[in-house]
Structure formats: structure tokens, C-alpha cells
Amino acid sequence: MIPLSAYVAVSAILFMTGLVGVLIRRNFIIVLMSVEIMLNAANINLVAFSHYLNSMAGQMSALFIIAVAAAEAAVGLAIIIVIFRGKMATNVDQINILKW
């Protein structure tokens, strides 16, 4: 049986990878993928703790997070397509249409 600390370690590594991707990379698509990695790290933690606590609450929360992540990816990609058609840029620093 795999110990809980192994799941938490894998989840922490995934979360830090996603966090570094969000903070360092400037490509909009890479930032979106990094956010998805961070959500998957949270799912691993929820399912692991749910298994070790013999509860279904963590697994149901993970399913809800998966649904939210799918909607976030669809809306994020749609926004990226609209911005790319207008500005021809996927760099986060070049996109300033939400500023006053």
C-alpha cells in the first residue's frame, strides 16, 4: 500500500511545477496549462485524503474541480483565440486590453 506522504509529495511537486509555470512563463497557453496542473495537484490531494479517511467527500469535490477545470479550459481557450485574432499575440505582457 502506498503511504499518504507519497501522494502528498507528488501533489506538492505538481503544484510547484504549475506555480513556477504561472510565475515564469509569459505565454498565455502555457499559463493556462500550468493552472490545470495546479488543479490536478489539488485533485490528487483530495482523492488521497478521501481514501485514507474512508470518506466520499474528497472524491466528490475532485469531480466538481474537474468540471470547473474543463469549463475554465474552454473559456480560457476561447479568450485566447479572440485575443489572438485581434492582436496576433499570445504573450501575456503584450495583452493590455483590460487596463483602463
PDB file of N, CA and C in Angstrom:
ATOM      1  N   MET A   1       0.839  -1.177   0.000  1.00  0.00           N
ATOM      2  CA  MET A   1       0.000   0.000   0.000  1.00  0.00           C
ATOM      3  C   MET A   1       0.885   1.241   0.000  1.00  0.00           C
ATOM      4  N   ILE A   2       0.539   2.193  -0.812  1.00  0.00           N
ATOM      5  CA  ILE A   2       1.327   3.426  -0.930  1.00  0.00           C
ATOM      6  C   ILE A   2       0.950   4.360   0.220  1.00  0.00           C
ATOM      7  N   PRO A   3       1.942   4.904   0.932  1.00  0.00           N
ATOM      8  CA  PRO A   3       1.621   5.788   2.064  1.00  0.00           C
ATOM      9  C   PRO A   3       1.072   7.135   1.587  1.00  0.00           C
ATOM     10  N   LEU A   4       0.367   7.793   2.494  1.00  0.00           N
ATOM     11  CA  LEU A   4      -0.237   9.088   2.191  1.00  0.00           C
ATOM     12  C   LEU A   4       0.823  10.132   1.865  1.00  0.00           C
ATOM     13  N   SER A   5       1.972  10.036   2.498  1.00  0.00           N
ATOM     14  CA  SER A   5       3.030  11.020   2.259  1.00  0.00           C
ATOM     15  C   SER A   5       3.533  10.988   0.821  1.00  0.00           C
ATOM     16  N   ALA A   6       3.468   9.843   0.164  1.00  0.00           N
ATOM     17  CA  ALA A   6       3.880   9.760  -1.235  1.00  0.00           C
ATOM     18  C   ALA A   6       2.917  10.541  -2.127  1.00  0.00           C
ATOM     19  N   TYR A   7       1.626  10.419  -1.852  1.00  0.00           N
ATOM     20  CA  TYR A   7       0.641  11.182  -2.618  1.00  0.00           C
ATOM     21  C   TYR A   7       0.802  12.683  -2.393  1.00  0.00           C
ATOM     22  N   VAL A   8       1.033  13.055  -1.155  1.00  0.00           N
ATOM     23  CA  VAL A   8       1.214  14.476  -0.840  1.00  0.00           C
ATOM     24  C   VAL A   8       2.484  15.008  -1.497  1.00  0.00           C
ATOM     25  N   ALA A   9       3.541  14.206  -1.536  1.00  0.00           N
ATOM     26  CA  ALA A   9       4.786  14.639  -2.183  1.00  0.00           C
ATOM     27  C   ALA A   9       4.600  14.828  -3.686  1.00  0.00           C
ATOM     28  N   VAL A  10       3.926  13.878  -4.334  1.00  0.00           N
ATOM     29  CA  VAL A  10       3.665  14.009  -5.773  1.00  0.00           C
ATOM     30  C   VAL A  10       2.786  15.226  -6.039  1.00  0.00           C
ATOM     31  N   SER A  11       1.790  15.433  -5.198  1.00  0.00           N
ATOM     32  CA  SER A  11       0.910  16.578  -5.359  1.00  0.00           C
ATOM     33  C   SER A  11       1.668  17.889  -5.160  1.00  0.00           C
ATOM     34  N   ALA A  12       2.566  17.932  -4.194  1.00  0.00           N
ATOM     35  CA  ALA A  12       3.359  19.146  -3.960  1.00  0.00           C
ATOM     36  C   ALA A  12       4.289  19.435  -5.135  1.00  0.00           C
ATOM     37  N   ILE A  13       4.876  18.396  -5.694  1.00  0.00           N
ATOM     38  CA  ILE A  13       5.757  18.578  -6.861  1.00  0.00           C
ATOM     39  C   ILE A  13       4.954  19.107  -8.048  1.00  0.00           C
ATOM     40  N   LEU A  14       3.779  18.532  -8.288  1.00  0.00           N
ATOM     41  CA  LEU A  14       2.931  19.011  -9.384  1.00  0.00           C
ATOM     42  C   LEU A  14       2.489  20.447  -9.156  1.00  0.00           C
ATOM     43  N   PHE A  15       2.106  20.769  -7.929  1.00  0.00           N
ATOM     44  CA  PHE A  15       1.650  22.117  -7.638  1.00  0.00           C
ATOM     45  C   PHE A  15       2.775  23.131  -7.823  1.00  0.00           C
ATOM     46  N   MET A  16       3.971  22.791  -7.372  1.00  0.00           N
ATOM     47  CA  MET A  16       5.102  23.709  -7.539  1.00  0.00           C
ATOM     48  C   MET A  16       5.473  23.865  -9.009  1.00  0.00           C
ATOM     49  N   THR A  17       5.358  22.788  -9.778  1.00  0.00           N
ATOM     50  CA  THR A  17       5.611  22.876 -11.219  1.00  0.00           C
ATOM     51  C   THR A  17       4.615  23.833 -11.879  1.00  0.00           C
ATOM     52  N   GLY A  18       3.356  23.715 -11.523  1.00  0.00           N
ATOM     53  CA  GLY A  18       2.347  24.620 -12.062  1.00  0.00           C
ATOM     54  C   GLY A  18       2.556  26.055 -11.618  1.00  0.00           C
ATOM     55  N   LEU A  19       2.933  26.243 -10.364  1.00  0.00           N
ATOM     56  CA  LEU A  19       3.169  27.588  -9.843  1.00  0.00           C
ATOM     57  C   LEU A  19       4.342  28.259 -10.538  1.00  0.00           C
ATOM     58  N   VAL A  20       5.410  27.499 -10.758  1.00  0.00           N
ATOM     59  CA  VAL A  20       6.565  28.039 -11.485  1.00  0.00           C
ATOM     60  C   VAL A  20       6.168  28.380 -12.916  1.00  0.00           C
ATOM     61  N   GLY A  21       5.349  27.553 -13.536  1.00  0.00           N
ATOM     62  CA  GLY A  21       4.887  27.827 -14.893  1.00  0.00           C
ATOM     63  C   GLY A  21       4.053  29.086 -14.977  1.00  0.00           C
ATOM     64  N   VAL A  22       3.213  29.325 -13.971  1.00  0.00           N
ATOM     65  CA  VAL A  22       2.392  30.535 -13.966  1.00  0.00           C
ATOM     66  C   VAL A  22       3.254  31.771 -13.738  1.00  0.00           C
ATOM     67  N   LEU A  23       4.213  31.676 -12.841  1.00  0.00           N
ATOM     68  CA  LEU A  23       5.009  32.848 -12.486  1.00  0.00           C
ATOM     69  C   LEU A  23       6.101  33.186 -13.490  1.00  0.00           C
ATOM     70  N   ILE A  24       6.664  32.205 -14.151  1.00  0.00           N
ATOM     71  CA  ILE A  24       7.815  32.450 -15.022  1.00  0.00           C
ATOM     72  C   ILE A  24       7.428  32.594 -16.482  1.00  0.00           C
ATOM     73  N   ARG A  25       6.561  31.742 -16.975  1.00  0.00           N
ATOM     74  CA  ARG A  25       6.246  31.753 -18.406  1.00  0.00           C
ATOM     75  C   ARG A  25       5.323  32.916 -18.743  1.00  0.00           C
ATOM     76  N   ARG A  26       5.443  33.444 -19.939  1.00  0.00           N
ATOM     77  CA  ARG A  26       4.635  34.571 -20.391  1.00  0.00           C
ATOM     78  C   ARG A  26       3.664  34.192 -21.491  1.00  0.00           C
ATOM     79  N   ASN A  27       3.708  32.968 -21.958  1.00  0.00           N
ATOM     80  CA  ASN A  27       2.785  32.515 -22.991  1.00  0.00           C
ATOM     81  C   ASN A  27       1.442  32.174 -22.339  1.00  0.00           C
ATOM     82  N   PHE A  28       0.365  32.716 -22.915  1.00  0.00           N
ATOM     83  CA  PHE A  28      -0.961  32.551 -22.342  1.00  0.00           C
ATOM     84  C   PHE A  28      -1.382  31.087 -22.258  1.00  0.00           C
ATOM     85  N   ILE A  29      -1.043  30.308 -23.258  1.00  0.00           N
ATOM     86  CA  ILE A  29      -1.421  28.896 -23.296  1.00  0.00           C
ATOM     87  C   ILE A  29      -0.662  28.103 -22.238  1.00  0.00           C
ATOM     88  N   ILE A  30       0.616  28.412 -22.062  1.00  0.00           N
ATOM     89  CA  ILE A  30       1.415  27.733 -21.029  1.00  0.00           C
ATOM     90  C   ILE A  30       0.895  28.079 -19.644  1.00  0.00           C
ATOM     91  N   VAL A  31       0.494  29.325 -19.434  1.00  0.00           N
ATOM     92  CA  VAL A  31      -0.071  29.729 -18.146  1.00  0.00           C
ATOM     93  C   VAL A  31      -1.362  28.966 -17.878  1.00  0.00           C
ATOM     94  N   LEU A  32      -2.197  28.819 -18.894  1.00  0.00           N
ATOM     95  CA  LEU A  32      -3.441  28.065 -18.741  1.00  0.00           C
ATOM     96  C   LEU A  32      -3.164  26.597 -18.415  1.00  0.00           C
ATOM     97  N   MET A  33      -2.177  26.007 -19.071  1.00  0.00           N
ATOM     98  CA  MET A  33      -1.810  24.620 -18.780  1.00  0.00           C
ATOM     99  C   MET A  33      -1.241  24.487 -17.370  1.00  0.00           C
ATOM    100  N   SER A  34      -0.511  25.475 -16.907  1.00  0.00           N
ATOM    101  CA  SER A  34       0.045  25.436 -15.556  1.00  0.00           C
ATOM    102  C   SER A  34      -1.049  25.508 -14.502  1.00  0.00           C
ATOM    103  N   VAL A  35      -2.084  26.291 -14.761  1.00  0.00           N
ATOM    104  CA  VAL A  35      -3.218  26.343 -13.835  1.00  0.00           C
ATOM    105  C   VAL A  35      -3.917  24.987 -13.789  1.00  0.00           C
ATOM    106  N   GLU A  36      -4.028  24.323 -14.925  1.00  0.00           N
ATOM    107  CA  GLU A  36      -4.632  22.988 -14.962  1.00  0.00           C
ATOM    108  C   GLU A  36      -3.793  21.984 -14.156  1.00  0.00           C
ATOM    109  N   ILE A  37      -2.475  22.102 -14.235  1.00  0.00           N
ATOM    110  CA  ILE A  37      -1.593  21.226 -13.456  1.00  0.00           C
ATOM    111  C   ILE A  37      -1.813  21.458 -11.962  1.00  0.00           C
ATOM    112  N   MET A  38      -1.975  22.717 -11.570  1.00  0.00           N
ATOM    113  CA  MET A  38      -2.209  23.013 -10.155  1.00  0.00           C
ATOM    114  C   MET A  38      -3.558  22.458  -9.687  1.00  0.00           C
ATOM    115  N   LEU A  39      -4.572  22.516 -10.531  1.00  0.00           N
ATOM    116  CA  LEU A  39      -5.867  21.934 -10.168  1.00  0.00           C
ATOM    117  C   LEU A  39      -5.778  20.412 -10.046  1.00  0.00           C
ATOM    118  N   ASN A  40      -4.991  19.780 -10.911  1.00  0.00           N
ATOM    119  CA  ASN A  40      -4.802  18.327 -10.813  1.00  0.00           C
ATOM    120  C   ASN A  40      -4.046  17.952  -9.541  1.00  0.00           C
ATOM    121  N   ALA A  41      -3.124  18.794  -9.114  1.00  0.00           N
ATOM    122  CA  ALA A  41      -2.422  18.537  -7.844  1.00  0.00           C
ATOM    123  C   ALA A  41      -3.403  18.582  -6.676  1.00  0.00           C
ATOM    124  N   ALA A  42      -4.321  19.538  -6.709  1.00  0.00           N
ATOM    125  CA  ALA A  42      -5.344  19.605  -5.656  1.00  0.00           C
ATOM    126  C   ALA A  42      -6.238  18.370  -5.694  1.00  0.00           C
ATOM    127  N   ASN A  43      -6.552  17.890  -6.887  1.00  0.00           N
ATOM    128  CA  ASN A  43      -7.372  16.673  -7.012  1.00  0.00           C
ATOM    129  C   ASN A  43      -6.668  15.465  -6.419  1.00  0.00           C
ATOM    130  N   ILE A  44      -5.376  15.342  -6.648  1.00  0.00           N
ATOM    131  CA  ILE A  44      -4.628  14.215  -6.085  1.00  0.00           C
ATOM    132  C   ILE A  44      -4.703  14.245  -4.563  1.00  0.00           C
ATOM    133  N   ASN A  45      -4.534  15.430  -3.990  1.00  0.00           N
ATOM    134  CA  ASN A  45      -4.634  15.550  -2.531  1.00  0.00           C
ATOM    135  C   ASN A  45      -6.023  15.186  -2.030  1.00  0.00           C
ATOM    136  N   LEU A  46      -7.056  15.690  -2.686  1.00  0.00           N
ATOM    137  CA  LEU A  46      -8.418  15.402  -2.240  1.00  0.00           C
ATOM    138  C   LEU A  46      -8.734  13.912  -2.294  1.00  0.00           C
ATOM    139  N   VAL A  47      -8.362  13.262  -3.371  1.00  0.00           N
ATOM    140  CA  VAL A  47      -8.661  11.837  -3.510  1.00  0.00           C
ATOM    141  C   VAL A  47      -7.836  11.010  -2.536  1.00  0.00           C
ATOM    142  N   ALA A  48      -6.575  11.378  -2.330  1.00  0.00           N
ATOM    143  CA  ALA A  48      -5.724  10.629  -1.397  1.00  0.00           C
ATOM    144  C   ALA A  48      -6.252  10.736   0.033  1.00  0.00           C
ATOM    145  N   PHE A  49      -6.587  11.942   0.459  1.00  0.00           N
ATOM    146  CA  PHE A  49      -7.115  12.096   1.815  1.00  0.00           C
ATOM    147  C   PHE A  49      -8.488  11.454   1.953  1.00  0.00           C
ATOM    148  N   SER A  50      -9.282  11.494   0.904  1.00  0.00           N
ATOM    149  CA  SER A  50     -10.580  10.845   0.934  1.00  0.00           C
ATOM    150  C   SER A  50     -10.435   9.340   1.102  1.00  0.00           C
ATOM    151  N   HIS A  51      -9.444   8.768   0.423  1.00  0.00           N
ATOM    152  CA  HIS A  51      -9.214   7.328   0.536  1.00  0.00           C
ATOM    153  C   HIS A  51      -8.752   6.947   1.945  1.00  0.00           C
ATOM    154  N   TYR A  52      -7.854   7.742   2.501  1.00  0.00           N
ATOM    155  CA  TYR A  52      -7.328   7.400   3.814  1.00  0.00           C
ATOM    156  C   TYR A  52      -8.296   7.714   4.946  1.00  0.00           C
ATOM    157  N   LEU A  53      -9.252   8.598   4.729  1.00  0.00           N
ATOM    158  CA  LEU A  53     -10.248   8.910   5.758  1.00  0.00           C
ATOM    159  C   LEU A  53     -11.550   8.138   5.560  1.00  0.00           C
ATOM    160  N   ASN A  54     -11.609   7.280   4.543  1.00  0.00           N
ATOM    161  CA  ASN A  54     -12.807   6.494   4.218  1.00  0.00           C
ATOM    162  C   ASN A  54     -14.037   7.379   4.073  1.00  0.00           C
ATOM    163  N   SER A  55     -13.885   8.418   3.256  1.00  0.00           N
ATOM    164  CA  SER A  55     -14.973   9.355   3.024  1.00  0.00           C
ATOM    165  C   SER A  55     -15.090   9.595   1.526  1.00  0.00           C
ATOM    166  N   MET A  56     -16.291   9.884   1.082  1.00  0.00           N
ATOM    167  CA  MET A  56     -16.514  10.170  -0.335  1.00  0.00           C
ATOM    168  C   MET A  56     -16.501  11.663  -0.637  1.00  0.00           C
ATOM    169  N   ALA A  57     -16.373  12.493   0.391  1.00  0.00           N
ATOM    170  CA  ALA A  57     -16.448  13.944   0.197  1.00  0.00           C
ATOM    171  C   ALA A  57     -15.304  14.446  -0.676  1.00  0.00           C
ATOM    172  N   GLY A  58     -14.112  13.929  -0.486  1.00  0.00           N
ATOM    173  CA  GLY A  58     -12.971  14.363  -1.281  1.00  0.00           C
ATOM    174  C   GLY A  58     -13.102  13.966  -2.739  1.00  0.00           C
ATOM    175  N   GLN A  59     -13.628  12.796  -2.987  1.00  0.00           N
ATOM    176  CA  GLN A  59     -13.799  12.347  -4.369  1.00  0.00           C
ATOM    177  C   GLN A  59     -14.896  13.143  -5.076  1.00  0.00           C
ATOM    178  N   MET A  60     -15.938  13.486  -4.364  1.00  0.00           N
ATOM    179  CA  MET A  60     -16.985  14.305  -4.972  1.00  0.00           C
ATOM    180  C   MET A  60     -16.471  15.716  -5.229  1.00  0.00           C
ATOM    181  N   SER A  61     -15.655  16.238  -4.336  1.00  0.00           N
ATOM    182  CA  SER A  61     -15.054  17.554  -4.559  1.00  0.00           C
ATOM    183  C   SER A  61     -14.111  17.513  -5.757  1.00  0.00           C
ATOM    184  N   ALA A  62     -13.384  16.418  -5.910  1.00  0.00           N
ATOM    185  CA  ALA A  62     -12.475  16.276  -7.050  1.00  0.00           C
ATOM    186  C   ALA A  62     -13.250  16.259  -8.363  1.00  0.00           C
ATOM    187  N   LEU A  63     -14.394  15.589  -8.383  1.00  0.00           N
ATOM    188  CA  LEU A  63     -15.226  15.602  -9.591  1.00  0.00           C
ATOM    189  C   LEU A  63     -15.725  17.006  -9.907  1.00  0.00           C
ATOM    190  N   PHE A  64     -16.079  17.759  -8.872  1.00  0.00           N
ATOM    191  CA  PHE A  64     -16.507  19.141  -9.075  1.00  0.00           C
ATOM    192  C   PHE A  64     -15.355  19.988  -9.617  1.00  0.00           C
ATOM    193  N   ILE A  65     -14.157  19.792  -9.107  1.00  0.00           N
ATOM    194  CA  ILE A  65     -12.992  20.533  -9.590  1.00  0.00           C
ATOM    195  C   ILE A  65     -12.678  20.161 -11.036  1.00  0.00           C
ATOM    196  N   ILE A  66     -12.848  18.906 -11.404  1.00  0.00           N
ATOM    197  CA  ILE A  66     -12.621  18.500 -12.794  1.00  0.00           C
ATOM    198  C   ILE A  66     -13.611  19.205 -13.720  1.00  0.00           C
ATOM    199  N   ALA A  67     -14.864  19.325 -13.297  1.00  0.00           N
ATOM    200  CA  ALA A  67     -15.854  20.027 -14.113  1.00  0.00           C
ATOM    201  C   ALA A  67     -15.511  21.510 -14.232  1.00  0.00           C
ATOM    202  N   VAL A  68     -15.096  22.117 -13.144  1.00  0.00           N
ATOM    203  CA  VAL A  68     -14.710  23.531 -13.180  1.00  0.00           C
ATOM    204  C   VAL A  68     -13.473  23.722 -14.051  1.00  0.00           C
ATOM    205  N   ALA A  69     -12.522  22.799 -13.980  1.00  0.00           N
ATOM    206  CA  ALA A  69     -11.303  22.894 -14.796  1.00  0.00           C
ATOM    207  C   ALA A  69     -11.628  22.766 -16.283  1.00  0.00           C
ATOM    208  N   ALA A  70     -12.580  21.917 -16.629  1.00  0.00           N
ATOM    209  CA  ALA A  70     -12.966  21.782 -18.036  1.00  0.00           C
ATOM    210  C   ALA A  70     -13.615  23.066 -18.534  1.00  0.00           C
ATOM    211  N   ALA A  71     -14.478  23.656 -17.718  1.00  0.00           N
ATOM    212  CA  ALA A  71     -15.108  24.917 -18.119  1.00  0.00           C
ATOM    213  C   ALA A  71     -14.071  26.029 -18.205  1.00  0.00           C
ATOM    214  N   GLU A  72     -13.139  26.049 -17.276  1.00  0.00           N
ATOM    215  CA  GLU A  72     -12.079  27.067 -17.284  1.00  0.00           C
ATOM    216  C   GLU A  72     -11.200  26.921 -18.521  1.00  0.00           C
ATOM    217  N   ALA A  73     -10.905  25.715 -18.910  1.00  0.00           N
ATOM    218  CA  ALA A  73     -10.080  25.496 -20.100  1.00  0.00           C
ATOM    219  C   ALA A  73     -10.826  25.933 -21.359  1.00  0.00           C
ATOM    220  N   ALA A  74     -12.115  25.627 -21.440  1.00  0.00           N
ATOM    221  CA  ALA A  74     -12.890  26.017 -22.622  1.00  0.00           C
ATOM    222  C   ALA A  74     -13.004  27.534 -22.734  1.00  0.00           C
ATOM    223  N   VAL A  75     -13.328  28.192 -21.628  1.00  0.00           N
ATOM    224  CA  VAL A  75     -13.454  29.652 -21.652  1.00  0.00           C
ATOM    225  C   VAL A  75     -12.096  30.299 -21.875  1.00  0.00           C
ATOM    226  N   GLY A  76     -11.054  29.779 -21.233  1.00  0.00           N
ATOM    227  CA  GLY A  76      -9.711  30.333 -21.412  1.00  0.00           C
ATOM    228  C   GLY A  76      -9.223  30.216 -22.841  1.00  0.00           C
ATOM    229  N   LEU A  77      -9.440  29.065 -23.466  1.00  0.00           N
ATOM    230  CA  LEU A  77      -9.031  28.902 -24.866  1.00  0.00           C
ATOM    231  C   LEU A  77      -9.846  29.793 -25.795  1.00  0.00           C
ATOM    232  N   ALA A  78     -11.121  29.993 -25.497  1.00  0.00           N
ATOM    233  CA  ALA A  78     -11.931  30.894 -26.314  1.00  0.00           C
ATOM    234  C   ALA A  78     -11.420  32.331 -26.201  1.00  0.00           C
ATOM    235  N   ILE A  79     -11.059  32.742 -24.998  1.00  0.00           N
ATOM    236  CA  ILE A  79     -10.500  34.085 -24.814  1.00  0.00           C
ATOM    237  C   ILE A  79      -9.170  34.217 -25.543  1.00  0.00           C
ATOM    238  N   ILE A  80      -8.351  33.192 -25.472  1.00  0.00           N
ATOM    239  CA  ILE A  80      -7.057  33.230 -26.176  1.00  0.00           C
ATOM    240  C   ILE A  80      -7.270  33.369 -27.682  1.00  0.00           C
ATOM    241  N   ILE A  81      -8.233  32.651 -28.240  1.00  0.00           N
ATOM    242  CA  ILE A  81      -8.494  32.721 -29.680  1.00  0.00           C
ATOM    243  C   ILE A  81      -8.969  34.113 -30.079  1.00  0.00           C
ATOM    244  N   VAL A  82      -9.861  34.700 -29.282  1.00  0.00           N
ATOM    245  CA  VAL A  82     -10.363  36.040 -29.593  1.00  0.00           C
ATOM    246  C   VAL A  82      -9.240  37.070 -29.521  1.00  0.00           C
ATOM    247  N   ILE A  83      -8.409  36.986 -28.507  1.00  0.00           N
ATOM    248  CA  ILE A  83      -7.302  37.940 -28.364  1.00  0.00           C
ATOM    249  C   ILE A  83      -6.277  37.739 -29.469  1.00  0.00           C
ATOM    250  N   PHE A  84      -6.007  36.491 -29.827  1.00  0.00           N
ATOM    251  CA  PHE A  84      -5.030  36.234 -30.886  1.00  0.00           C
ATOM    252  C   PHE A  84      -5.514  36.762 -32.231  1.00  0.00           C
ATOM    253  N   ARG A  85      -6.804  36.651 -32.494  1.00  0.00           N
ATOM    254  CA  ARG A  85      -7.340  37.177 -33.754  1.00  0.00           C
ATOM    255  C   ARG A  85      -7.246  38.695 -33.812  1.00  0.00           C
ATOM    256  N   GLY A  86      -7.388  39.350 -32.679  1.00  0.00           N
ATOM    257  CA  GLY A  86      -7.356  40.808 -32.658  1.00  0.00           C
ATOM    258  C   GLY A  86      -5.963  41.394 -32.576  1.00  0.00           C
ATOM    259  N   LYS A  87      -5.096  40.786 -31.768  1.00  0.00           N
ATOM    260  CA  LYS A  87      -3.771  41.358 -31.511  1.00  0.00           C
ATOM    261  C   LYS A  87      -2.626  40.573 -32.129  1.00  0.00           C
ATOM    262  N   MET A  88      -2.873  39.342 -32.537  1.00  0.00           N
ATOM    263  CA  MET A  88      -1.829  38.448 -33.036  1.00  0.00           C
ATOM    264  C   MET A  88      -0.713  38.245 -32.002  1.00  0.00           C
ATOM    265  N   ALA A  89      -1.109  38.091 -30.761  1.00  0.00           N
ATOM    266  CA  ALA A  89      -0.129  37.898 -29.694  1.00  0.00           C
ATOM    267  C   ALA A  89      -0.679  36.913 -28.678  1.00  0.00           C
ATOM    268  N   THR A  90       0.181  36.027 -28.194  1.00  0.00           N
ATOM    269  CA  THR A  90      -0.189  35.143 -27.092  1.00  0.00           C
ATOM    270  C   THR A  90       0.659  35.413 -25.860  1.00  0.00           C
ATOM    271  N   ASN A  91       1.463  36.455 -25.911  1.00  0.00           N
ATOM    272  CA  ASN A  91       2.301  36.829 -24.778  1.00  0.00           C
ATOM    273  C   ASN A  91       1.455  37.631 -23.795  1.00  0.00           C
ATOM    274  N   VAL A  92       1.517  37.272 -22.534  1.00  0.00           N
ATOM    275  CA  VAL A  92       0.711  37.924 -21.510  1.00  0.00           C
ATOM    276  C   VAL A  92       1.096  39.395 -21.371  1.00  0.00           C
ATOM    277  N   ASP A  93       2.356  39.737 -21.546  1.00  0.00           N
ATOM    278  CA  ASP A  93       2.801  41.113 -21.388  1.00  0.00           C
ATOM    279  C   ASP A  93       2.295  42.020 -22.503  1.00  0.00           C
ATOM    280  N   GLN A  94       2.029  41.488 -23.675  1.00  0.00           N
ATOM    281  CA  GLN A  94       1.572  42.289 -24.800  1.00  0.00           C
ATOM    282  C   GLN A  94       0.063  42.531 -24.794  1.00  0.00           C
ATOM    283  N   ILE A  95      -0.639  41.825 -23.969  1.00  0.00           N
ATOM    284  CA  ILE A  95      -2.099  41.929 -23.941  1.00  0.00           C
ATOM    285  C   ILE A  95      -2.480  42.869 -22.801  1.00  0.00           C
ATOM    286  N   ASN A  96      -2.969  44.058 -23.142  1.00  0.00           N
ATOM    287  CA  ASN A  96      -3.333  45.026 -22.130  1.00  0.00           C
ATOM    288  C   ASN A  96      -4.733  45.597 -22.384  1.00  0.00           C
ATOM    289  N   ILE A  97      -5.622  44.820 -22.972  1.00  0.00           N
ATOM    290  CA  ILE A  97      -6.946  45.328 -23.312  1.00  0.00           C
ATOM    291  C   ILE A  97      -7.844  45.483 -22.087  1.00  0.00           C
ATOM    292  N   LEU A  98      -7.506  44.881 -20.958  1.00  0.00           N
ATOM    293  CA  LEU A  98      -8.323  45.004 -19.749  1.00  0.00           C
ATOM    294  C   LEU A  98      -7.876  46.151 -18.870  1.00  0.00           C
ATOM    295  N   LYS A  99      -6.834  46.868 -19.259  1.00  0.00           N
ATOM    296  CA  LYS A  99      -6.377  48.020 -18.480  1.00  0.00           C
ATOM    297  C   LYS A  99      -7.213  49.225 -18.812  1.00  0.00           C
ATOM    298  N   TRP A 100      -7.278  50.181 -17.881  1.00  0.00           N
ATOM    299  CA  TRP A 100      -8.057  51.405 -18.092  1.00  0.00           C
ATOM    300  C   TRP A 100      -7.369  52.329 -19.019  1.00  0.00           C
TER     301      TRP A 100
END
